[in-house]
Amino acid sequence: MQNFIEIQALMKNELDQMNKILVNRLDSNVDLINQMSHYIISSGGKRIRPLLLLLCARATDYDGDYHYSMAVVIELIHTATLLHDDVVDQSTTRRGQETANELWGNAPSVLVGDFLYSRAFEIMVEPNSMEIMKILSKATNQISEGEVLQLLNIKNANVTQKEYYRVIERKTACLFKAACQIAGILSNSNQKVIEAMGKFGMHLGNAFQIIDDTLDYESDSNIIGKEVGDDLSEGKVTLPMIYALEKTTKSDKKILTDAIQNADASNINQVVEILMNVNAFQYSRDIANKESNMALESIDILPSSKYKTALKLLCKLSLERSS
């Protein structure tokens, strides 16, 4: 295996089955809920989080069917957070398409996000596992904490790297972690393996988010599906900017500080140039690489298989992606 398409091909049957259940469980007697939830679910995305759960289940020799419905739960929770995020951020596009709040308004987006959360909780009880329910309820709570922490950091040029990691571990990595742990629980793995799976998910999630935040300044809007500098225009302070603020001279630091405090991306080219001059992108990528390596080390405990190979490849691809 060498690319993401080959991983998808390996898991085609599992992904197809998961998608069938996902579409079925989105069904509601309320037309607007059907319309909006199907729009957001079908609007793209690589399904990384449910794919992780399916791969980890196979890598730990699970031979049942609950991994399909638990992958659906992970995707529903993630999709609900996207709906709410877009309202909070007042986003108009995601993955190159109009957001639900742009098409239907903020109130319907929040309420349909709530529907997706509650539907996820309906499904998560089906394996009758208190351990799985504890993991998912904790992850959902942590995601909310991460979003609030990020909101508190808006337009704050004094955010530290430690505070940044607190945000991304809750906002992103905890759901990666939950997906991997649930797979280990389903396959009746021992506690050591379940903990290793959790570490894998957490470190991979951190790497994924750090690269995402770096691409916000580096990439082409046609590739990433949003405008370069969107984070800055929303007042979000991410790792490349935090590092640059630590390393810049007084005049450059003032430019960055003003841009953050005013949530102003109008001089994005100048901002990017300052970040490049202090190697902020390379620094961020180096940190992501460390996280990816820690993820790889975590699954040394798993027996060799094509599914373990796919998990290792995901670590590599998370660093190389352009969107």
C-alpha atoms as a PDB file:
ATOM      1  CA  MET A   1       0.000   0.000   0.000  1.00  0.00           C
ATOM      2  CA  GLN A   2       1.260   3.444  -0.917  1.00  0.00           C
ATOM      3  CA  ASN A   3      -1.650   5.894  -0.827  1.00  0.00           C
ATOM      4  CA  PHE A   4      -5.027   6.645   0.700  1.00  0.00           C
ATOM      5  CA  ILE A   5      -6.929   5.222  -2.271  1.00  0.00           C
ATOM      6  CA  GLU A   6      -5.375   1.821  -1.577  1.00  0.00           C
ATOM      7  CA  ILE A   7      -6.404   2.024   2.075  1.00  0.00           C
ATOM      8  CA  GLN A   8      -9.960   2.810   0.962  1.00  0.00           C
ATOM      9  CA  ALA A   9      -9.829  -0.134  -1.445  1.00  0.00           C
ATOM     10  CA  LEU A  10      -8.699  -2.443   1.375  1.00  0.00           C
ATOM     11  CA  MET A  11     -11.650  -1.313   3.509  1.00  0.00           C
ATOM     12  CA  LYS A  12     -14.206  -0.916   0.704  1.00  0.00           C
ATOM     13  CA  ASN A  13     -16.649  -3.538   1.982  1.00  0.00           C
ATOM     14  CA  GLU A  14     -16.483  -2.191   5.541  1.00  0.00           C
ATOM     15  CA  LEU A  15     -16.871   1.422   4.408  1.00  0.00           C
ATOM     16  CA  ASP A  16     -19.795   0.527   2.140  1.00  0.00           C
ATOM     17  CA  GLN A  17     -21.540  -1.259   4.999  1.00  0.00           C
ATOM     18  CA  MET A  18     -20.871   1.644   7.364  1.00  0.00           C
ATOM     19  CA  ASN A  19     -22.214   4.164   4.835  1.00  0.00           C
ATOM     20  CA  LYS A  20     -25.416   2.139   4.356  1.00  0.00           C
ATOM     21  CA  ILE A  21     -26.032   2.186   8.101  1.00  0.00           C
ATOM     22  CA  LEU A  22     -25.145   5.888   8.264  1.00  0.00           C
ATOM     23  CA  VAL A  23     -27.727   6.821   5.618  1.00  0.00           C
ATOM     24  CA  ASN A  24     -30.330   4.585   7.248  1.00  0.00           C
ATOM     25  CA  ARG A  25     -29.782   6.017  10.732  1.00  0.00           C
ATOM     26  CA  LEU A  26     -30.022   9.597   9.510  1.00  0.00           C
ATOM     27  CA  ASP A  27     -33.660   9.014   8.615  1.00  0.00           C
ATOM     28  CA  SER A  28     -36.169  11.276  10.371  1.00  0.00           C
ATOM     29  CA  ASN A  29     -39.888  12.183   9.914  1.00  0.00           C
ATOM     30  CA  VAL A  30     -38.778  15.844   9.878  1.00  0.00           C
ATOM     31  CA  ASP A  31     -37.996  16.813   6.285  1.00  0.00           C
ATOM     32  CA  LEU A  32     -35.583  19.609   7.187  1.00  0.00           C
ATOM     33  CA  ILE A  33     -33.524  17.238   9.329  1.00  0.00           C
ATOM     34  CA  ASN A  34     -33.328  14.750   6.455  1.00  0.00           C
ATOM     35  CA  GLN A  35     -32.387  17.459   3.993  1.00  0.00           C
ATOM     36  CA  MET A  36     -29.690  19.085   6.111  1.00  0.00           C
ATOM     37  CA  SER A  37     -28.120  15.977   7.642  1.00  0.00           C
ATOM     38  CA  HIS A  38     -27.811  14.233   4.272  1.00  0.00           C
ATOM     39  CA  TYR A  39     -26.316  17.398   2.775  1.00  0.00           C
ATOM     40  CA  ILE A  40     -23.565  17.684   5.381  1.00  0.00           C
ATOM     41  CA  ILE A  41     -22.833  13.937   5.438  1.00  0.00           C
ATOM     42  CA  SER A  42     -22.529  13.727   1.662  1.00  0.00           C
ATOM     43  CA  SER A  43     -20.529  16.926   1.187  1.00  0.00           C
ATOM     44  CA  GLY A  44     -17.144  15.254   1.027  1.00  0.00           C
ATOM     45  CA  GLY A  45     -14.464  14.328   3.510  1.00  0.00           C
ATOM     46  CA  LYS A  46     -12.338  11.223   3.783  1.00  0.00           C
ATOM     47  CA  ARG A  47     -14.176   9.649   6.744  1.00  0.00           C
ATOM     48  CA  ILE A  48     -10.823   9.376   8.555  1.00  0.00           C
ATOM     49  CA  ARG A  49     -12.303   8.872  12.028  1.00  0.00           C
ATOM     50  CA  PRO A  50     -14.722   6.024  11.210  1.00  0.00           C
ATOM     51  CA  LEU A  51     -12.077   4.507   8.933  1.00  0.00           C
ATOM     52  CA  LEU A  52      -9.699   4.426  11.901  1.00  0.00           C
ATOM     53  CA  LEU A  53     -12.239   2.513  13.974  1.00  0.00           C
ATOM     54  CA  LEU A  54     -12.835  -0.015  11.188  1.00  0.00           C
ATOM     55  CA  LEU A  55      -9.100  -0.508  10.596  1.00  0.00           C
ATOM     56  CA  CYS A  56      -8.317  -0.869  14.298  1.00  0.00           C
ATOM     57  CA  ALA A  57     -11.131  -3.400  14.698  1.00  0.00           C
ATOM     58  CA  ARG A  58      -9.645  -5.533  11.934  1.00  0.00           C
ATOM     59  CA  ALA A  59      -6.103  -5.027  13.237  1.00  0.00           C
ATOM     60  CA  THR A  60      -7.215  -6.461  16.595  1.00  0.00           C
ATOM     61  CA  ASP A  61      -9.064  -9.393  14.966  1.00  0.00           C
ATOM     62  CA  TYR A  62     -12.621  -8.300  15.662  1.00  0.00           C
ATOM     63  CA  ASP A  63     -15.064 -10.567  13.822  1.00  0.00           C
ATOM     64  CA  GLY A  64     -18.439  -9.082  14.789  1.00  0.00           C
ATOM     65  CA  ASP A  65     -20.615  -6.346  13.281  1.00  0.00           C
ATOM     66  CA  TYR A  66     -20.778  -3.621  15.935  1.00  0.00           C
ATOM     67  CA  HIS A  67     -17.752  -1.830  14.485  1.00  0.00           C
ATOM     68  CA  TYR A  68     -20.014  -0.607  11.653  1.00  0.00           C
ATOM     69  CA  SER A  69     -22.526   1.087  13.942  1.00  0.00           C
ATOM     70  CA  MET A  70     -19.772   2.440  16.217  1.00  0.00           C
ATOM     71  CA  ALA A  71     -18.038   3.938  13.158  1.00  0.00           C
ATOM     72  CA  VAL A  72     -21.378   5.605  12.359  1.00  0.00           C
ATOM     73  CA  VAL A  73     -21.477   7.043  15.889  1.00  0.00           C
ATOM     74  CA  ILE A  74     -18.000   8.513  15.434  1.00  0.00           C
ATOM     75  CA  GLU A  75     -18.987  10.091  12.108  1.00  0.00           C
ATOM     76  CA  LEU A  76     -22.242  11.515  13.505  1.00  0.00           C
ATOM     77  CA  ILE A  77     -20.434  13.120  16.445  1.00  0.00           C
ATOM     78  CA  HIS A  78     -17.818  14.573  14.125  1.00  0.00           C
ATOM     79  CA  THR A  79     -20.462  15.905  11.718  1.00  0.00           C
ATOM     80  CA  ALA A  80     -22.408  17.499  14.584  1.00  0.00           C
ATOM     81  CA  THR A  81     -19.263  19.345  15.677  1.00  0.00           C
ATOM     82  CA  LEU A  82     -18.769  20.630  12.110  1.00  0.00           C
ATOM     83  CA  LEU A  83     -22.295  22.041  12.016  1.00  0.00           C
ATOM     84  CA  HIS A  84     -21.794  23.799  15.337  1.00  0.00           C
ATOM     85  CA  ASP A  85     -18.269  24.976  14.428  1.00  0.00           C
ATOM     86  CA  ASP A  86     -19.481  26.620  11.239  1.00  0.00           C
ATOM     87  CA  VAL A  87     -22.083  28.567  13.191  1.00  0.00           C
ATOM     88  CA  VAL A  88     -19.568  29.696  15.815  1.00  0.00           C
ATOM     89  CA  ASP A  89     -17.001  30.619  13.151  1.00  0.00           C
ATOM     90  CA  GLN A  90     -19.651  32.162  10.868  1.00  0.00           C
ATOM     91  CA  SER A  91     -18.180  30.077   8.043  1.00  0.00           C
ATOM     92  CA  THR A  92     -19.735  30.243   4.600  1.00  0.00           C
ATOM     93  CA  THR A  93     -17.825  27.394   2.910  1.00  0.00           C
ATOM     94  CA  ARG A  94     -16.413  24.013   3.889  1.00  0.00           C
ATOM     95  CA  ARG A  95     -14.631  21.622   1.514  1.00  0.00           C
ATOM     96  CA  GLY A  96     -15.419  24.025  -1.295  1.00  0.00           C
ATOM     97  CA  GLN A  97     -19.191  23.934  -0.717  1.00  0.00           C
ATOM     98  CA  GLU A  98     -21.595  26.237   1.061  1.00  0.00           C
ATOM     99  CA  THR A  99     -22.007  25.421   4.744  1.00  0.00           C
ATOM    100  CA  ALA A 100     -25.362  24.369   6.153  1.00  0.00           C
ATOM    101  CA  ASN A 101     -25.649  27.611   8.130  1.00  0.00           C
ATOM    102  CA  GLU A 102     -25.075  29.599   4.936  1.00  0.00           C
ATOM    103  CA  LEU A 103     -27.882  27.685   3.178  1.00  0.00           C
ATOM    104  CA  TRP A 104     -30.418  27.250   5.980  1.00  0.00           C
ATOM    105  CA  GLY A 105     -29.330  29.633   8.730  1.00  0.00           C
ATOM    106  CA  ASN A 106     -27.739  29.326  12.166  1.00  0.00           C
ATOM    107  CA  ALA A 107     -30.723  28.099  14.172  1.00  0.00           C
ATOM    108  CA  PRO A 108     -31.468  25.071  11.956  1.00  0.00           C
ATOM    109  CA  SER A 109     -27.747  24.205  11.856  1.00  0.00           C
ATOM    110  CA  VAL A 110     -27.448  24.168  15.647  1.00  0.00           C
ATOM    111  CA  LEU A 111     -30.644  22.141  16.043  1.00  0.00           C
ATOM    112  CA  VAL A 112     -29.725  19.576  13.374  1.00  0.00           C
ATOM    113  CA  GLY A 113     -26.294  19.307  14.998  1.00  0.00           C
ATOM    114  CA  ASP A 114     -28.123  18.474  18.227  1.00  0.00           C
ATOM    115  CA  PHE A 115     -30.162  15.859  16.356  1.00  0.00           C
ATOM    116  CA  LEU A 116     -26.964  14.203  15.096  1.00  0.00           C
ATOM    117  CA  TYR A 117     -25.515  14.144  18.621  1.00  0.00           C
ATOM    118  CA  SER A 118     -28.654  12.605  20.078  1.00  0.00           C
ATOM    119  CA  ARG A 119     -28.904  10.043  17.271  1.00  0.00           C
ATOM    120  CA  ALA A 120     -25.268   9.087  17.946  1.00  0.00           C
ATOM    121  CA  PHE A 121     -26.117   8.498  21.604  1.00  0.00           C
ATOM    122  CA  GLU A 122     -29.111   6.355  20.588  1.00  0.00           C
ATOM    123  CA  ILE A 123     -26.806   4.108  18.541  1.00  0.00           C
ATOM    124  CA  MET A 124     -23.900   3.928  20.975  1.00  0.00           C
ATOM    125  CA  VAL A 125     -25.893   1.903  23.517  1.00  0.00           C
ATOM    126  CA  GLU A 126     -26.435  -0.968  21.082  1.00  0.00           C
ATOM    127  CA  PRO A 127     -23.290  -3.006  21.917  1.00  0.00           C
ATOM    128  CA  ASN A 128     -24.439  -2.805  25.569  1.00  0.00           C
ATOM    129  CA  SER A 129     -20.916  -1.825  26.663  1.00  0.00           C
ATOM    130  CA  MET A 130     -20.600   0.584  29.571  1.00  0.00           C
ATOM    131  CA  GLU A 131     -16.919   1.034  28.688  1.00  0.00           C
ATOM    132  CA  ILE A 132     -17.744   2.224  25.162  1.00  0.00           C
ATOM    133  CA  MET A 133     -20.429   4.580  26.465  1.00  0.00           C
ATOM    134  CA  LYS A 134     -17.968   6.048  28.983  1.00  0.00           C
ATOM    135  CA  ILE A 135     -15.379   6.652  26.264  1.00  0.00           C
ATOM    136  CA  LEU A 136     -17.828   8.295  23.868  1.00  0.00           C
ATOM    137  CA  SER A 137     -19.537  10.459  26.481  1.00  0.00           C
ATOM    138  CA  LYS A 138     -16.134  11.623  27.747  1.00  0.00           C
ATOM    139  CA  ALA A 139     -14.911  12.358  24.204  1.00  0.00           C
ATOM    140  CA  THR A 140     -18.054  14.372  23.428  1.00  0.00           C
ATOM    141  CA  ASN A 141     -17.580  16.382  26.603  1.00  0.00           C
ATOM    142  CA  GLN A 142     -13.909  17.000  25.786  1.00  0.00           C
ATOM    143  CA  ILE A 143     -14.765  18.206  22.286  1.00  0.00           C
ATOM    144  CA  SER A 144     -17.082  20.807  23.825  1.00  0.00           C
ATOM    145  CA  GLU A 145     -14.317  21.854  26.222  1.00  0.00           C
ATOM    146  CA  GLY A 146     -11.905  22.204  23.308  1.00  0.00           C
ATOM    147  CA  GLU A 147     -14.321  24.410  21.399  1.00  0.00           C
ATOM    148  CA  VAL A 148     -14.835  26.655  24.435  1.00  0.00           C
ATOM    149  CA  LEU A 149     -11.084  26.873  25.060  1.00  0.00           C
ATOM    150  CA  GLN A 150     -10.538  27.814  21.424  1.00  0.00           C
ATOM    151  CA  LEU A 151     -13.240  30.463  21.698  1.00  0.00           C
ATOM    152  CA  LEU A 152     -11.545  31.919  24.791  1.00  0.00           C
ATOM    153  CA  ASN A 153      -8.288  32.135  22.842  1.00  0.00           C
ATOM    154  CA  ILE A 154      -9.787  34.089  19.941  1.00  0.00           C
ATOM    155  CA  LYS A 155      -7.813  37.273  19.146  1.00  0.00           C
ATOM    156  CA  ASN A 156      -5.374  36.486  21.961  1.00  0.00           C
ATOM    157  CA  ALA A 157      -1.791  36.967  20.773  1.00  0.00           C
ATOM    158  CA  ASN A 158      -0.470  35.580  24.077  1.00  0.00           C
ATOM    159  CA  VAL A 159      -1.668  32.006  23.599  1.00  0.00           C
ATOM    160  CA  THR A 160       1.109  29.559  24.508  1.00  0.00           C
ATOM    161  CA  GLN A 161       2.006  26.296  22.822  1.00  0.00           C
ATOM    162  CA  LYS A 162       0.805  24.449  25.927  1.00  0.00           C
ATOM    163  CA  GLU A 163      -2.603  26.134  25.653  1.00  0.00           C
ATOM    164  CA  TYR A 164      -2.731  25.304  21.941  1.00  0.00           C
ATOM    165  CA  TYR A 165      -2.113  21.605  22.643  1.00  0.00           C
ATOM    166  CA  ARG A 166      -4.885  21.633  25.260  1.00  0.00           C
ATOM    167  CA  VAL A 167      -7.261  22.811  22.549  1.00  0.00           C
ATOM    168  CA  ILE A 168      -6.313  20.361  19.795  1.00  0.00           C
ATOM    169  CA  GLU A 169      -6.194  17.353  22.130  1.00  0.00           C
ATOM    170  CA  ARG A 170      -9.801  18.040  23.086  1.00  0.00           C
ATOM    171  CA  LYS A 171     -11.136  19.503  19.844  1.00  0.00           C
ATOM    172  CA  THR A 172      -9.668  16.906  17.481  1.00  0.00           C
ATOM    173  CA  ALA A 173      -7.446  14.198  18.925  1.00  0.00           C
ATOM    174  CA  CYS A 174      -9.851  12.883  21.572  1.00  0.00           C
ATOM    175  CA  LEU A 175     -12.292  11.592  18.913  1.00  0.00           C
ATOM    176  CA  PHE A 176      -9.431   9.865  17.065  1.00  0.00           C
ATOM    177  CA  LYS A 177      -8.468   8.322  20.399  1.00  0.00           C
ATOM    178  CA  ALA A 178     -12.039   7.199  21.139  1.00  0.00           C
ATOM    179  CA  ALA A 179     -12.400   5.559  17.710  1.00  0.00           C
ATOM    180  CA  CYS A 180      -9.255   3.483  18.221  1.00  0.00           C
ATOM    181  CA  GLN A 181     -10.058   2.529  21.821  1.00  0.00           C
ATOM    182  CA  ILE A 182     -13.574   1.392  20.923  1.00  0.00           C
ATOM    183  CA  ALA A 183     -12.149  -0.994  18.329  1.00  0.00           C
ATOM    184  CA  GLY A 184      -9.945  -2.586  20.997  1.00  0.00           C
ATOM    185  CA  ILE A 185     -12.895  -2.930  23.371  1.00  0.00           C
ATOM    186  CA  LEU A 186     -15.072  -4.550  20.706  1.00  0.00           C
ATOM    187  CA  SER A 187     -12.361  -7.129  19.979  1.00  0.00           C
ATOM    188  CA  ASN A 188     -11.960  -7.902  23.711  1.00  0.00           C
ATOM    189  CA  SER A 189      -8.319  -6.821  23.631  1.00  0.00           C
ATOM    190  CA  ASN A 190      -6.458  -6.589  26.927  1.00  0.00           C
ATOM    191  CA  GLN A 191      -6.070  -3.238  28.670  1.00  0.00           C
ATOM    192  CA  LYS A 192      -2.517  -2.787  27.438  1.00  0.00           C
ATOM    193  CA  VAL A 193      -3.637  -3.028  23.809  1.00  0.00           C
ATOM    194  CA  ILE A 194      -6.639  -0.715  24.391  1.00  0.00           C
ATOM    195  CA  GLU A 195      -4.337   1.892  25.959  1.00  0.00           C
ATOM    196  CA  ALA A 196      -1.896   1.532  23.060  1.00  0.00           C
ATOM    197  CA  MET A 197      -4.742   2.076  20.588  1.00  0.00           C
ATOM    198  CA  GLY A 198      -5.784   5.175  22.498  1.00  0.00           C
ATOM    199  CA  LYS A 199      -2.251   6.585  22.367  1.00  0.00           C
ATOM    200  CA  PHE A 200      -2.115   5.869  18.649  1.00  0.00           C
ATOM    201  CA  GLY A 201      -5.337   7.785  18.045  1.00  0.00           C
ATOM    202  CA  MET A 202      -4.342  10.709  20.257  1.00  0.00           C
ATOM    203  CA  HIS A 203      -0.928  11.215  18.637  1.00  0.00           C
ATOM    204  CA  LEU A 204      -2.297  10.743  15.116  1.00  0.00           C
ATOM    205  CA  GLY A 205      -5.087  13.236  15.857  1.00  0.00           C
ATOM    206  CA  ASN A 206      -2.562  15.786  17.123  1.00  0.00           C
ATOM    207  CA  ALA A 207      -0.424  15.364  13.991  1.00  0.00           C
ATOM    208  CA  PHE A 208      -3.511  15.654  11.789  1.00  0.00           C
ATOM    209  CA  GLN A 209      -4.646  18.922  13.404  1.00  0.00           C
ATOM    210  CA  ILE A 210      -1.178  20.499  13.415  1.00  0.00           C
ATOM    211  CA  ILE A 211      -0.837  19.830   9.688  1.00  0.00           C
ATOM    212  CA  ASP A 212      -4.364  21.185   9.148  1.00  0.00           C
ATOM    213  CA  ASP A 213      -3.428  24.404  10.947  1.00  0.00           C
ATOM    214  CA  THR A 214      -0.210  24.679   8.935  1.00  0.00           C
ATOM    215  CA  LEU A 215      -2.037  24.178   5.636  1.00  0.00           C
ATOM    216  CA  ASP A 216      -4.307  27.083   6.515  1.00  0.00           C
ATOM    217  CA  TYR A 217      -1.338  29.369   5.787  1.00  0.00           C
ATOM    218  CA  GLU A 218       0.565  27.273   3.259  1.00  0.00           C
ATOM    219  CA  SER A 219      -1.910  25.775   0.854  1.00  0.00           C
ATOM    220  CA  ASP A 220      -4.002  26.785  -2.139  1.00  0.00           C
ATOM    221  CA  SER A 221      -7.668  27.596  -1.462  1.00  0.00           C
ATOM    222  CA  ASN A 222      -8.684  25.433  -4.421  1.00  0.00           C
ATOM    223  CA  ILE A 223      -7.019  22.453  -2.738  1.00  0.00           C
ATOM    224  CA  ILE A 224      -8.038  22.861   0.898  1.00  0.00           C
ATOM    225  CA  GLY A 225     -11.573  24.057   0.158  1.00  0.00           C
ATOM    226  CA  LYS A 226     -11.292  27.276   2.152  1.00  0.00           C
ATOM    227  CA  GLU A 227      -9.458  30.551   1.834  1.00  0.00           C
ATOM    228  CA  VAL A 228      -5.821  30.743   2.923  1.00  0.00           C
ATOM    229  CA  GLY A 229      -5.678  32.591   6.238  1.00  0.00           C
ATOM    230  CA  ASP A 230      -9.213  31.643   7.307  1.00  0.00           C
ATOM    231  CA  ASP A 231      -7.980  30.864  10.828  1.00  0.00           C
ATOM    232  CA  LEU A 232      -6.422  34.304  11.087  1.00  0.00           C
ATOM    233  CA  SER A 233      -9.582  36.022   9.790  1.00  0.00           C
ATOM    234  CA  GLU A 234     -11.482  34.210  12.579  1.00  0.00           C
ATOM    235  CA  GLY A 235      -8.921  35.285  15.188  1.00  0.00           C
ATOM    236  CA  LYS A 236      -7.724  31.704  15.788  1.00  0.00           C
ATOM    237  CA  VAL A 237      -4.150  31.406  17.031  1.00  0.00           C
ATOM    238  CA  THR A 238      -2.521  28.153  15.914  1.00  0.00           C
ATOM    239  CA  LEU A 239       0.946  26.632  16.203  1.00  0.00           C
ATOM    240  CA  PRO A 240       2.679  28.365  13.246  1.00  0.00           C
ATOM    241  CA  MET A 241       1.561  31.767  14.519  1.00  0.00           C
ATOM    242  CA  ILE A 242       2.412  30.983  18.160  1.00  0.00           C
ATOM    243  CA  TYR A 243       5.921  29.909  17.184  1.00  0.00           C
ATOM    244  CA  ALA A 244       6.410  32.973  14.956  1.00  0.00           C
ATOM    245  CA  LEU A 245       5.344  35.282  17.779  1.00  0.00           C
ATOM    246  CA  GLU A 246       8.019  33.669  19.949  1.00  0.00           C
ATOM    247  CA  LYS A 247      10.733  34.184  17.331  1.00  0.00           C
ATOM    248  CA  THR A 248      10.009  37.450  15.509  1.00  0.00           C
ATOM    249  CA  THR A 249      11.582  40.889  15.915  1.00  0.00           C
ATOM    250  CA  LYS A 250       9.575  43.752  17.435  1.00  0.00           C
ATOM    251  CA  SER A 251       8.317  45.194  14.145  1.00  0.00           C
ATOM    252  CA  ASP A 252       7.263  41.818  12.711  1.00  0.00           C
ATOM    253  CA  LYS A 253       5.752  40.791  16.027  1.00  0.00           C
ATOM    254  CA  LYS A 254       3.580  43.917  15.979  1.00  0.00           C
ATOM    255  CA  ILE A 255       2.318  43.041  12.485  1.00  0.00           C
ATOM    256  CA  LEU A 256       1.349  39.553  13.654  1.00  0.00           C
ATOM    257  CA  THR A 257      -0.148  40.780  16.917  1.00  0.00           C
ATOM    258  CA  ASP A 258      -2.262  43.396  15.154  1.00  0.00           C
ATOM    259  CA  ALA A 259      -3.488  40.833  12.622  1.00  0.00           C
ATOM    260  CA  ILE A 260      -4.559  38.476  15.433  1.00  0.00           C
ATOM    261  CA  GLN A 261      -6.182  41.105  17.645  1.00  0.00           C
ATOM    262  CA  ASN A 262      -8.127  42.510  14.699  1.00  0.00           C
ATOM    263  CA  ALA A 263      -8.815  39.091  13.111  1.00  0.00           C
ATOM    264  CA  ASP A 264      -7.449  40.665   9.952  1.00  0.00           C
ATOM    265  CA  ALA A 265      -6.139  38.524   7.102  1.00  0.00           C
ATOM    266  CA  SER A 266      -6.001  41.367   4.579  1.00  0.00           C
ATOM    267  CA  ASN A 267      -2.194  41.338   4.643  1.00  0.00           C
ATOM    268  CA  ILE A 268      -1.956  37.543   4.583  1.00  0.00           C
ATOM    269  CA  ASN A 269       0.975  37.547   2.150  1.00  0.00           C
ATOM    270  CA  GLN A 270       3.062  39.616   4.549  1.00  0.00           C
ATOM    271  CA  VAL A 271       2.032  37.404   7.469  1.00  0.00           C
ATOM    272  CA  VAL A 272       2.988  34.251   5.553  1.00  0.00           C
ATOM    273  CA  GLU A 273       6.346  35.787   4.652  1.00  0.00           C
ATOM    274  CA  ILE A 274       7.084  36.509   8.330  1.00  0.00           C
ATOM    275  CA  LEU A 275       6.108  32.952   9.273  1.00  0.00           C
ATOM    276  CA  MET A 276       8.362  31.569   6.556  1.00  0.00           C
ATOM    277  CA  ASN A 277      11.290  33.741   7.639  1.00  0.00           C
ATOM    278  CA  VAL A 278      11.309  32.187  11.116  1.00  0.00           C
ATOM    279  CA  ASN A 279      10.654  28.641   9.775  1.00  0.00           C
ATOM    280  CA  ALA A 280       7.289  28.461  11.542  1.00  0.00           C
ATOM    281  CA  PHE A 281       5.916  25.990   9.008  1.00  0.00           C
ATOM    282  CA  GLN A 282       8.900  23.680   9.281  1.00  0.00           C
ATOM    283  CA  TYR A 283       8.746  23.859  13.068  1.00  0.00           C
ATOM    284  CA  SER A 284       5.061  22.904  13.016  1.00  0.00           C
ATOM    285  CA  ARG A 285       5.717  20.047  10.609  1.00  0.00           C
ATOM    286  CA  ASP A 286       8.554  18.799  12.829  1.00  0.00           C
ATOM    287  CA  ILE A 287       6.173  18.696  15.806  1.00  0.00           C
ATOM    288  CA  ALA A 288       3.582  16.867  13.705  1.00  0.00           C
ATOM    289  CA  ASN A 289       6.281  14.400  12.665  1.00  0.00           C
ATOM    290  CA  LYS A 290       7.121  13.703  16.321  1.00  0.00           C
ATOM    291  CA  GLU A 291       3.448  13.068  17.049  1.00  0.00           C
ATOM    292  CA  SER A 292       3.218  10.743  14.054  1.00  0.00           C
ATOM    293  CA  ASN A 293       6.292   8.795  15.211  1.00  0.00           C
ATOM    294  CA  MET A 294       4.788   8.399  18.690  1.00  0.00           C
ATOM    295  CA  ALA A 295       1.623   7.071  17.066  1.00  0.00           C
ATOM    296  CA  LEU A 296       3.684   4.531  15.120  1.00  0.00           C
ATOM    297  CA  GLU A 297       5.500   3.389  18.261  1.00  0.00           C
ATOM    298  CA  SER A 298       2.170   2.890  20.033  1.00  0.00           C
ATOM    299  CA  ILE A 299       1.029   0.138  17.670  1.00  0.00           C
ATOM    300  CA  ASP A 300       4.228  -1.905  17.800  1.00  0.00           C
ATOM    301  CA  ILE A 301       2.193  -4.076  20.167  1.00  0.00           C
ATOM    302  CA  LEU A 302      -0.163  -5.174  17.367  1.00  0.00           C
ATOM    303  CA  PRO A 303       0.575  -8.294  15.295  1.00  0.00           C
ATOM    304  CA  SER A 304       1.612  -7.764  11.684  1.00  0.00           C
ATOM    305  CA  SER A 305      -1.302  -7.522   9.248  1.00  0.00           C
ATOM    306  CA  LYS A 306      -2.405  -5.538   6.226  1.00  0.00           C
ATOM    307  CA  TYR A 307      -4.591  -3.489   8.573  1.00  0.00           C
ATOM    308  CA  LYS A 308      -1.634  -2.550  10.770  1.00  0.00           C
ATOM    309  CA  THR A 309       0.250  -1.608   7.590  1.00  0.00           C
ATOM    310  CA  ALA A 310      -2.651   0.665   6.630  1.00  0.00           C
ATOM    311  CA  LEU A 311      -2.605   2.312  10.071  1.00  0.00           C
ATOM    312  CA  LYS A 312       1.116   2.975   9.730  1.00  0.00           C
ATOM    313  CA  LEU A 313       0.563   4.418   6.266  1.00  0.00           C
ATOM    314  CA  LEU A 314      -2.083   6.783   7.668  1.00  0.00           C
ATOM    315  CA  CYS A 315       0.581   8.230   9.964  1.00  0.00           C
ATOM    316  CA  LYS A 316       2.776   8.939   6.963  1.00  0.00           C
ATOM    317  CA  LEU A 317      -0.055  10.333   4.849  1.00  0.00           C
ATOM    318  CA  SER A 318      -1.232  12.644   7.638  1.00  0.00           C
ATOM    319  CA  LEU A 319       2.080  14.502   7.284  1.00  0.00           C
ATOM    320  CA  GLU A 320       2.044  14.620   3.485  1.00  0.00           C
ATOM    321  CA  ARG A 321      -1.522  15.692   2.806  1.00  0.00           C
ATOM    322  CA  SER A 322      -2.398  18.899   1.011  1.00  0.00           C
ATOM    323  CA  SER A 323      -6.035  19.073   2.109  1.00  0.00           C
END
